[in-house]
Amino acid sequence: MPGIVIVGTQWGDEGKGKIVDLLAERARMAVRFQGGNNAGHTLVVDGKKFISHLIPSGILQKKTCVLGNGMVVDPAELIREMDELESMGIAVTPDNLLVSDRAHLIMPYHKAVDIARECLRGGTKIGTTGRGIGPCYEDKAGRRGIRFVDLLNPNTFRERVHAAAGEKNHLLSGYLKAAPVNPDEIIGEYLEYAKRLAPYVKDTAVLVEEAAAQGANILFEGAQGTHLDIDHGTVPFVTSSNTVAGNACAGSGVGPRRVNGVLGIVKAYTTRVGRGPFPTELFDEVGDRIQRVGAEFGATTGRRRRCGWLDMVQLKASVRLNGLTGFCVTKLDVLDGLSELSICTAYTHKGETLREFPADLEVLAGCVPVYETHPGWDTPTVDAQDFNALPASARAYLRRVEELMGIPLQIVSTGPGRTQTMELQDVFGGV
């Protein structure tokens, strides 16, 4: 049973959704193991665009999709996505969508606290999406969280909401100077959600393990990127969960023996949304061109993404942190037409050469990239489906990245569509 973990290697937005959609054709299950609706996958299938925030993109391949116990889920957003998929003619039933009974619920007070805190920070904002993700994970760690299993027990749910609302209203009105929430309104709203979602709520860890024991191919899908990890990322400009491959097991409820490979998704350049140090960021017309051609706007927030050259210091850290067994390069076509490309191979900081990604953000902000340059290409790569059909300089660029990564290049994406992809190795067959 090949269990493949798919993770982003940069600051998110690498194109993981498209690759999950592509590989799901040969899988039985796609399991999302962390995060919430602060992440977004933009998918283009048969010319139609769909943006998913919670449901794994494997749903488009009619595969069983699982929202794992490591996720935090806004039930209103989940129902909205379900309805949108149905409107596109994609069936969403308890046979192909499962929600872990141990996943935590994002509540209205989580969103209220998230937004109020960010307003209070003023010029020191961390760039939260305001979806309540961080406050929900705080309650989970503080053993105050409310899970789907609680939602299905009305008496337990009422007790837990009233207890939580008392504490949150004290915080909201007393410190954050925001309006309090009404616990009875929340209870009424969420018990209606329970009626709709109850058939989907299962002990998903048992079902994933059963599929694995039967030899099924399973995709474990992370959200965001390695350097937004709460432990290993650029704290505080990170998400509120572990985005690295090691969390696939904890967030899905399966043991490490069920993971056979880890595929890292690498955008052909680097992007970042929001604040935080970004050593290879471009502030010139090349950066503007990459942003424009790549349509680099956040799928969740719509914010303009900052763009820069590929950063191998960052990527080598991702290889190590995730135990990557192979990688996929996305959006190669965005680099078409550039006369010269740069790859950052190290940093310098106060006269010292750094080859490891520093934890100290002041050091990172002061790092100067050490670049090697490569010729660009004029021949379009978009729609290319054979590696040898790529321009020679594009092939050389990819092989140099592969050499620096030290792991096999397995997939190359040359456009947003499902068919605009070439597989150099069988991800499932290679494990």
Protein backbone atom coordinates (compact mmCIF):
# COMPACT_ATOMS: atom_id res chain seq x y z
CA MET A 1 0.00 0.00 0.00
CA PRO A 2 1.72 3.21 -1.08
CA GLY A 3 0.72 5.94 1.34
CA ILE A 4 2.04 9.19 -0.13
CA VAL A 5 2.22 12.44 1.81
CA ILE A 6 2.01 15.61 -0.28
CA VAL A 7 3.43 18.75 1.29
CA GLY A 8 4.33 22.25 0.24
CA THR A 9 8.02 23.08 0.52
CA GLN A 10 7.90 26.87 0.58
CA TRP A 11 5.38 29.32 2.12
CA GLY A 12 2.30 27.63 0.71
CA ASP A 13 0.51 28.24 -2.60
CA GLU A 14 2.79 25.77 -4.40
CA GLY A 15 -0.02 24.05 -6.32
CA LYS A 16 -0.64 21.04 -4.07
CA GLY A 17 -4.33 20.84 -4.99
CA LYS A 18 -3.64 20.20 -8.65
CA ILE A 19 -1.17 17.43 -7.84
CA VAL A 20 -3.55 15.76 -5.38
CA ASP A 21 -6.22 15.91 -8.08
CA LEU A 22 -3.82 14.37 -10.59
CA LEU A 23 -2.65 11.54 -8.33
CA ALA A 24 -6.08 10.85 -6.86
CA GLU A 25 -7.04 9.05 -10.06
CA ARG A 26 -4.84 6.17 -8.83
CA ALA A 27 -5.76 6.43 -5.16
CA ARG A 28 -8.74 5.30 -3.13
CA MET A 29 -8.56 8.01 -0.49
CA ALA A 30 -7.35 11.60 -0.10
CA VAL A 31 -6.88 12.53 3.56
CA ARG A 32 -6.38 16.11 4.72
CA PHE A 33 -4.46 16.07 7.99
CA GLN A 34 -4.21 19.67 9.28
CA GLY A 35 -5.33 23.26 8.88
CA GLY A 36 -8.71 24.70 8.10
CA ASN A 37 -10.30 27.05 5.60
CA ASN A 38 -7.33 29.41 5.78
CA ALA A 39 -5.86 27.32 2.96
CA GLY A 40 -7.08 27.34 -0.63
CA HIS A 41 -6.61 25.09 -3.65
CA THR A 42 -7.41 26.54 -7.07
CA LEU A 43 -8.22 23.76 -9.53
CA VAL A 44 -8.97 23.98 -13.24
CA VAL A 45 -10.68 20.91 -14.71
CA ASP A 46 -12.23 20.92 -18.18
CA GLY A 47 -11.93 24.70 -18.22
CA LYS A 48 -13.88 25.12 -14.96
CA LYS A 49 -12.24 26.73 -11.94
CA PHE A 50 -13.00 25.48 -8.45
CA ILE A 51 -11.48 26.83 -5.23
CA SER A 52 -11.45 24.37 -2.34
CA HIS A 53 -10.66 25.41 1.22
CA LEU A 54 -11.50 22.26 3.16
CA ILE A 55 -12.44 19.33 0.95
CA PRO A 56 -9.47 17.55 -0.66
CA SER A 57 -9.31 17.98 -4.40
CA GLY A 58 -9.61 14.21 -4.80
CA ILE A 59 -13.37 14.78 -4.65
CA LEU A 60 -13.19 15.81 -8.33
CA GLN A 61 -11.88 12.33 -9.12
CA LYS A 62 -14.81 10.79 -7.22
CA LYS A 63 -12.50 9.44 -4.53
CA THR A 64 -13.19 9.11 -0.83
CA CYS A 65 -12.09 12.34 0.84
CA VAL A 66 -11.38 12.60 4.54
CA LEU A 67 -11.19 15.63 6.80
CA GLY A 68 -8.84 14.24 9.43
CA ASN A 69 -8.76 14.69 13.18
CA GLY A 70 -5.88 17.16 12.86
CA MET A 71 -8.08 19.69 11.07
CA VAL A 72 -10.15 22.54 12.45
CA VAL A 73 -13.39 22.87 10.53
CA ASP A 74 -15.87 25.71 10.07
CA PRO A 75 -19.14 23.80 9.47
CA ALA A 76 -20.73 26.68 7.57
CA GLU A 77 -17.79 26.78 5.16
CA LEU A 78 -17.86 23.00 4.78
CA ILE A 79 -21.55 23.05 3.87
CA ARG A 80 -20.95 25.91 1.43
CA GLU A 81 -18.25 23.87 -0.35
CA MET A 82 -20.48 20.81 -0.44
CA ASP A 83 -23.29 22.84 -2.02
CA GLU A 84 -20.92 24.42 -4.55
CA LEU A 85 -19.65 21.02 -5.62
CA GLU A 86 -23.20 19.73 -5.98
CA SER A 87 -24.04 22.74 -8.15
CA MET A 88 -21.15 21.73 -10.43
CA GLY A 89 -22.58 18.26 -10.81
CA ILE A 90 -20.11 16.63 -8.40
CA ALA A 91 -21.86 14.30 -5.97
CA VAL A 92 -20.99 14.77 -2.30
CA THR A 93 -22.34 11.98 -0.11
CA PRO A 94 -21.34 10.12 3.07
CA ASP A 95 -19.81 7.56 0.72
CA ASN A 96 -17.17 9.95 -0.64
CA LEU A 97 -16.80 12.58 2.10
CA LEU A 98 -15.92 11.68 5.69
CA VAL A 99 -15.33 14.04 8.61
CA SER A 100 -13.42 12.88 11.65
CA ASP A 101 -15.48 12.84 14.84
CA ARG A 102 -12.31 14.08 16.56
CA ALA A 103 -11.79 17.14 14.32
CA HIS A 104 -12.32 20.42 16.16
CA LEU A 105 -15.01 22.94 15.31
CA ILE A 106 -14.26 26.56 14.50
CA MET A 107 -16.80 28.61 16.44
CA PRO A 108 -17.98 32.20 15.90
CA TYR A 109 -16.05 33.36 18.95
CA HIS A 110 -12.83 32.00 17.43
CA LYS A 111 -13.32 34.25 14.41
CA ALA A 112 -14.27 37.21 16.59
CA VAL A 113 -11.12 36.84 18.70
CA ASP A 114 -8.95 36.35 15.60
CA ILE A 115 -10.16 39.55 13.96
CA ALA A 116 -10.12 41.63 17.15
CA ARG A 117 -6.57 40.59 18.01
CA GLU A 118 -5.29 41.47 14.56
CA CYS A 119 -6.91 44.90 14.79
CA LEU A 120 -5.29 45.44 18.18
CA ARG A 121 -1.84 44.62 16.78
CA GLY A 122 -1.94 47.60 14.44
CA GLY A 123 1.38 47.85 12.63
CA THR A 124 2.58 44.49 13.99
CA LYS A 125 -0.09 42.37 12.27
CA ILE A 126 0.94 38.78 11.51
CA GLY A 127 -1.36 38.48 8.49
CA THR A 128 -3.99 36.09 9.84
CA THR A 129 -6.89 35.35 7.49
CA GLY A 130 -9.38 36.03 10.30
CA ARG A 131 -10.96 32.59 9.86
CA GLY A 132 -10.51 31.64 13.52
CA ILE A 133 -7.88 29.00 12.85
CA GLY A 134 -5.35 30.06 15.49
CA PRO A 135 -7.86 30.58 18.34
CA CYS A 136 -9.42 27.20 17.55
CA TYR A 137 -6.04 25.46 17.79
CA GLU A 138 -5.42 27.36 21.04
CA ASP A 139 -8.59 25.89 22.52
CA LYS A 140 -7.59 22.45 21.27
CA ALA A 141 -4.21 22.70 23.00
CA GLY A 142 -5.86 24.18 26.10
CA ARG A 143 -8.38 21.29 26.23
CA ARG A 144 -11.26 23.71 25.79
CA GLY A 145 -12.06 22.80 22.20
CA ILE A 146 -15.32 21.43 20.87
CA ARG A 147 -15.19 18.45 18.51
CA PHE A 148 -17.64 17.07 15.99
CA VAL A 149 -18.43 14.24 18.38
CA ASP A 150 -19.60 16.89 20.85
CA LEU A 151 -21.75 18.56 18.20
CA LEU A 152 -23.66 15.31 17.75
CA ASN A 153 -24.57 15.28 21.47
CA PRO A 154 -26.83 18.34 21.98
CA ASN A 155 -26.59 18.37 25.78
CA THR A 156 -22.81 18.16 25.79
CA PHE A 157 -22.62 20.76 23.03
CA ARG A 158 -24.79 23.27 24.93
CA GLU A 159 -22.70 22.88 28.08
CA ARG A 160 -19.42 23.33 26.27
CA VAL A 161 -20.57 26.37 24.27
CA HIS A 162 -21.88 28.14 27.37
CA ALA A 163 -18.62 27.45 29.21
CA ALA A 164 -16.50 28.67 26.29
CA ALA A 165 -18.63 31.74 25.59
CA GLY A 166 -18.25 32.97 29.17
CA GLU A 167 -14.49 32.97 28.87
CA LYS A 168 -14.40 34.36 25.32
CA ASN A 169 -16.84 37.18 26.09
CA HIS A 170 -14.64 38.26 28.99
CA LEU A 171 -11.70 38.40 26.57
CA LEU A 172 -13.67 40.06 23.77
CA SER A 173 -15.33 42.81 25.77
CA GLY A 174 -12.79 43.25 28.56
CA TYR A 175 -9.51 43.27 26.65
CA LEU A 176 -10.11 43.25 22.92
CA LYS A 177 -12.89 45.89 23.07
CA ALA A 178 -15.08 43.85 20.71
CA ALA A 179 -18.70 42.80 20.82
CA PRO A 180 -19.51 39.67 22.84
CA VAL A 181 -21.13 36.58 21.30
CA ASN A 182 -24.53 35.11 22.14
CA PRO A 183 -24.09 31.45 23.13
CA ASP A 184 -27.75 30.55 22.57
CA GLU A 185 -27.63 31.89 19.01
CA ILE A 186 -24.49 29.85 18.37
CA ILE A 187 -26.08 26.70 19.77
CA GLY A 188 -29.17 27.09 17.58
CA GLU A 189 -27.08 27.74 14.46
CA TYR A 190 -24.69 24.85 15.02
CA LEU A 191 -27.34 22.28 15.91
CA GLU A 192 -28.83 22.98 12.47
CA TYR A 193 -25.43 22.27 10.95
CA ALA A 194 -25.36 19.02 12.92
CA LYS A 195 -28.52 17.82 11.19
CA ARG A 196 -26.85 18.24 7.79
CA LEU A 197 -23.41 16.93 8.69
CA ALA A 198 -24.17 14.05 11.07
CA PRO A 199 -24.18 11.36 8.33
CA TYR A 200 -20.65 12.40 7.30
CA VAL A 201 -19.10 12.24 10.77
CA LYS A 202 -17.20 9.00 11.41
CA ASP A 203 -14.23 7.55 13.24
CA THR A 204 -12.15 8.21 10.13
CA ALA A 205 -8.89 6.85 11.56
CA VAL A 206 -10.45 3.38 11.61
CA LEU A 207 -11.66 3.72 8.02
CA VAL A 208 -8.30 4.98 6.73
CA GLU A 209 -6.52 2.11 8.47
CA GLU A 210 -8.97 -0.40 6.96
CA ALA A 211 -8.27 0.97 3.47
CA ALA A 212 -4.53 0.83 4.09
CA ALA A 213 -4.76 -2.77 5.32
CA GLN A 214 -6.56 -3.67 2.09
CA GLY A 215 -3.65 -2.32 0.06
CA ALA A 216 -5.30 0.90 -1.18
CA ASN A 217 -3.27 3.85 -2.45
CA ILE A 218 -3.81 6.75 -0.05
CA LEU A 219 -2.84 10.40 -0.40
CA PHE A 220 -2.19 12.38 2.79
CA GLU A 221 -2.61 16.03 1.95
CA GLY A 222 -1.19 18.94 3.89
CA ALA A 223 -2.18 22.58 3.70
CA GLN A 224 0.07 25.66 3.55
CA GLY A 225 3.82 25.03 3.30
CA THR A 226 6.76 23.75 5.33
CA HIS A 227 7.97 27.22 6.30
CA LEU A 228 4.57 28.11 7.72
CA ASP A 229 4.88 25.24 10.22
CA ILE A 230 4.20 26.27 13.83
CA ASP A 231 7.47 24.63 14.99
CA HIS A 232 9.78 24.94 12.01
CA GLY A 233 8.50 28.01 10.17
CA THR A 234 9.20 31.72 10.37
CA VAL A 235 7.41 32.28 13.70
CA PRO A 236 5.25 34.35 14.27
CA PHE A 237 4.48 34.62 10.54
CA VAL A 238 3.22 31.05 10.36
CA THR A 239 0.04 29.03 10.58
CA SER A 240 -1.19 27.37 13.79
CA SER A 241 -0.50 23.72 13.03
CA ASN A 242 2.30 21.40 11.93
CA THR A 243 2.44 21.47 8.14
CA VAL A 244 5.37 19.05 7.80
CA ALA A 245 4.97 15.45 6.67
CA GLY A 246 5.48 14.08 10.18
CA ASN A 247 2.03 15.38 11.11
CA ALA A 248 0.33 13.24 8.45
CA CYS A 249 0.17 10.35 10.91
CA ALA A 250 -0.97 12.30 13.98
CA GLY A 251 -3.48 14.34 11.97
CA SER A 252 -4.95 11.27 10.24
CA GLY A 253 -4.81 8.71 13.02
CA VAL A 254 -2.54 6.19 11.32
CA GLY A 255 0.88 4.86 12.22
CA PRO A 256 4.16 5.80 10.48
CA ARG A 257 4.33 2.44 8.72
CA ARG A 258 1.41 3.58 6.55
CA VAL A 259 3.57 6.28 4.93
CA ASN A 260 5.81 5.07 2.12
CA GLY A 261 6.81 8.29 0.38
CA VAL A 262 6.74 12.06 0.70
CA LEU A 263 6.28 14.24 -2.37
CA GLY A 264 7.33 17.87 -1.98
CA ILE A 265 5.63 20.47 -4.18
CA VAL A 266 8.03 23.19 -5.35
CA LYS A 267 6.90 26.25 -7.24
CA ALA A 268 9.45 27.12 -9.96
CA TYR A 269 10.02 30.40 -8.12
CA THR A 270 9.15 31.52 -4.58
CA THR A 271 6.10 33.37 -3.31
CA ARG A 272 4.83 34.53 0.05
CA VAL A 273 1.55 36.09 1.20
CA GLY A 274 1.55 38.60 4.02
CA ARG A 275 4.39 39.68 6.26
CA GLY A 276 7.66 38.01 7.23
CA PRO A 277 11.26 37.87 5.92
CA PHE A 278 11.72 36.77 2.31
CA PRO A 279 15.42 36.75 1.31
CA THR A 280 14.96 36.23 -2.46
CA GLU A 281 12.04 38.64 -2.89
CA LEU A 282 12.17 40.71 -6.07
CA PHE A 283 11.21 44.38 -6.05
CA ASP A 284 11.81 45.02 -9.75
CA GLU A 285 9.98 44.51 -13.03
CA VAL A 286 10.91 40.81 -13.07
CA GLY A 287 9.10 40.29 -9.77
CA ASP A 288 6.12 42.23 -11.07
CA ARG A 289 6.11 40.16 -14.24
CA ILE A 290 6.19 36.86 -12.35
CA GLN A 291 3.37 38.07 -10.12
CA ARG A 292 1.27 39.15 -13.11
CA VAL A 293 1.91 36.14 -15.37
CA GLY A 294 1.54 33.70 -12.48
CA ALA A 295 -1.71 35.37 -11.31
CA GLU A 296 -0.23 35.33 -7.84
CA PHE A 297 -3.13 36.24 -5.62
CA GLY A 298 -4.12 34.26 -2.53
CA ALA A 299 -6.94 31.77 -3.21
CA THR A 300 -8.32 32.38 0.29
CA THR A 301 -7.65 36.09 0.86
CA GLY A 302 -7.15 37.53 -2.63
CA ARG A 303 -4.00 39.24 -1.35
CA ARG A 304 -1.17 39.91 -3.80
CA ARG A 305 1.64 37.41 -3.36
CA ARG A 306 5.20 38.62 -3.04
CA CYS A 307 7.46 36.94 -5.64
CA GLY A 308 11.13 36.05 -5.81
CA TRP A 309 13.71 33.61 -7.11
CA LEU A 310 13.92 29.97 -6.09
CA ASP A 311 15.59 29.59 -2.69
CA MET A 312 17.57 26.39 -2.20
CA VAL A 313 18.42 27.18 1.43
CA GLN A 314 14.70 27.06 2.12
CA LEU A 315 14.15 24.00 -0.04
CA LYS A 316 17.02 21.99 1.41
CA ALA A 317 15.52 22.57 4.85
CA SER A 318 12.22 21.26 3.50
CA VAL A 319 13.91 18.11 2.16
CA ARG A 320 15.32 17.47 5.63
CA LEU A 321 12.25 18.39 7.68
CA ASN A 322 9.85 16.31 5.59
CA GLY A 323 12.09 13.43 4.60
CA LEU A 324 11.16 14.08 0.98
CA THR A 325 11.52 11.11 -1.36
CA GLY A 326 10.79 13.12 -4.50
CA PHE A 327 9.55 16.48 -5.68
CA CYS A 328 7.27 18.13 -8.21
CA VAL A 329 7.91 21.50 -9.88
CA THR A 330 4.83 23.59 -10.63
CA LYS A 331 4.25 26.72 -12.72
CA LEU A 332 7.37 26.28 -14.84
CA ASP A 333 5.51 28.07 -17.64
CA VAL A 334 5.41 31.31 -15.64
CA LEU A 335 9.16 31.65 -16.26
CA ASP A 336 8.73 31.46 -20.06
CA GLY A 337 10.26 34.47 -21.80
CA LEU A 338 12.68 35.50 -19.07
CA SER A 339 16.20 35.97 -20.45
CA GLU A 340 17.95 34.92 -17.24
CA LEU A 341 16.99 33.01 -14.09
CA SER A 342 18.60 32.96 -10.66
CA ILE A 343 18.76 30.26 -7.99
CA CYS A 344 19.77 31.13 -4.45
CA THR A 345 22.27 28.54 -3.18
CA ALA A 346 23.32 30.18 0.13
CA TYR A 347 22.98 33.37 2.19
CA THR A 348 25.57 35.76 3.53
CA HIS A 349 25.01 37.52 6.83
CA LYS A 350 27.56 39.93 8.30
CA GLY A 351 30.33 38.32 6.32
CA GLU A 352 29.34 34.75 7.20
CA THR A 353 28.03 32.22 4.66
CA LEU A 354 24.85 30.45 5.79
CA ARG A 355 23.60 27.25 4.19
CA GLU A 356 20.91 26.44 6.77
CA PHE A 357 17.66 28.36 7.18
CA PRO A 358 18.04 30.48 10.37
CA ALA A 359 15.43 30.56 13.14
CA ASP A 360 16.21 34.16 14.13
CA LEU A 361 14.03 36.40 11.97
CA GLU A 362 16.36 39.36 12.41
CA VAL A 363 19.15 37.26 10.95
CA LEU A 364 16.91 35.99 8.15
CA ALA A 365 15.78 39.54 7.33
CA GLY A 366 19.43 40.58 7.05
CA CYS A 367 20.48 37.70 4.83
CA VAL A 368 21.73 38.47 1.33
CA PRO A 369 21.16 35.69 -1.23
CA VAL A 370 24.09 34.11 -3.04
CA TYR A 371 22.88 33.46 -6.59
CA GLU A 372 23.93 31.35 -9.50
CA THR A 373 22.46 32.42 -12.83
CA HIS A 374 21.03 30.31 -15.63
CA PRO A 375 19.86 31.18 -19.15
CA GLY A 376 16.14 31.49 -19.67
CA TRP A 377 14.09 30.32 -22.64
CA ASP A 378 11.80 31.87 -25.24
CA THR A 379 10.00 28.73 -26.41
CA PRO A 380 6.76 28.32 -24.40
CA THR A 381 6.64 25.39 -22.00
CA VAL A 382 2.91 25.70 -21.36
CA ASP A 383 1.04 22.52 -22.31
CA ALA A 384 4.29 20.54 -22.68
CA GLN A 385 3.74 16.91 -21.67
CA ASP A 386 7.12 15.41 -22.53
CA PHE A 387 10.32 16.37 -20.74
CA ASN A 388 12.46 16.13 -23.86
CA ALA A 389 10.10 18.54 -25.62
CA LEU A 390 11.01 21.31 -23.18
CA PRO A 391 13.57 23.92 -24.25
CA ALA A 392 17.12 22.82 -23.43
CA SER A 393 17.61 25.63 -20.92
CA ALA A 394 14.35 24.71 -19.15
CA ARG A 395 15.55 21.12 -18.86
CA ALA A 396 18.90 22.33 -17.55
CA TYR A 397 17.18 24.54 -14.97
CA LEU A 398 15.08 21.62 -13.70
CA ARG A 399 18.03 19.23 -13.59
CA ARG A 400 20.07 21.78 -11.64
CA VAL A 401 17.26 22.12 -9.11
CA GLU A 402 17.13 18.32 -8.89
CA GLU A 403 20.88 18.19 -8.30
CA LEU A 404 20.67 20.78 -5.53
CA MET A 405 17.65 19.09 -3.92
CA GLY A 406 19.40 15.72 -3.88
CA ILE A 407 16.16 13.80 -4.55
CA PRO A 408 14.37 12.76 -7.78
CA LEU A 409 12.29 15.17 -9.84
CA GLN A 410 9.07 13.17 -10.35
CA ILE A 411 6.48 15.58 -11.81
CA VAL A 412 6.57 18.85 -13.77
CA SER A 413 3.51 21.07 -14.17
CA THR A 414 3.36 23.51 -17.08
CA GLY A 415 -0.10 25.03 -16.63
CA PRO A 416 -3.13 25.03 -14.33
CA GLY A 417 -5.06 22.27 -16.11
CA ARG A 418 -5.00 18.61 -15.16
CA THR A 419 -3.51 17.61 -18.52
CA GLN A 420 -0.75 20.23 -18.41
CA THR A 421 1.49 17.88 -16.47
CA MET A 422 4.30 15.43 -17.14
CA GLU A 423 5.20 12.56 -14.82
CA LEU A 424 8.85 11.60 -14.98
CA GLN A 425 8.41 8.88 -12.38
CA ASP A 426 5.37 6.98 -11.08
CA VAL A 427 4.96 8.39 -7.58
CA PHE A 428 3.09 5.29 -6.41
CA GLY A 429 5.19 2.81 -8.33
CA GLY A 430 8.45 4.20 -7.03
CA VAL A 431 7.88 3.22 -3.42
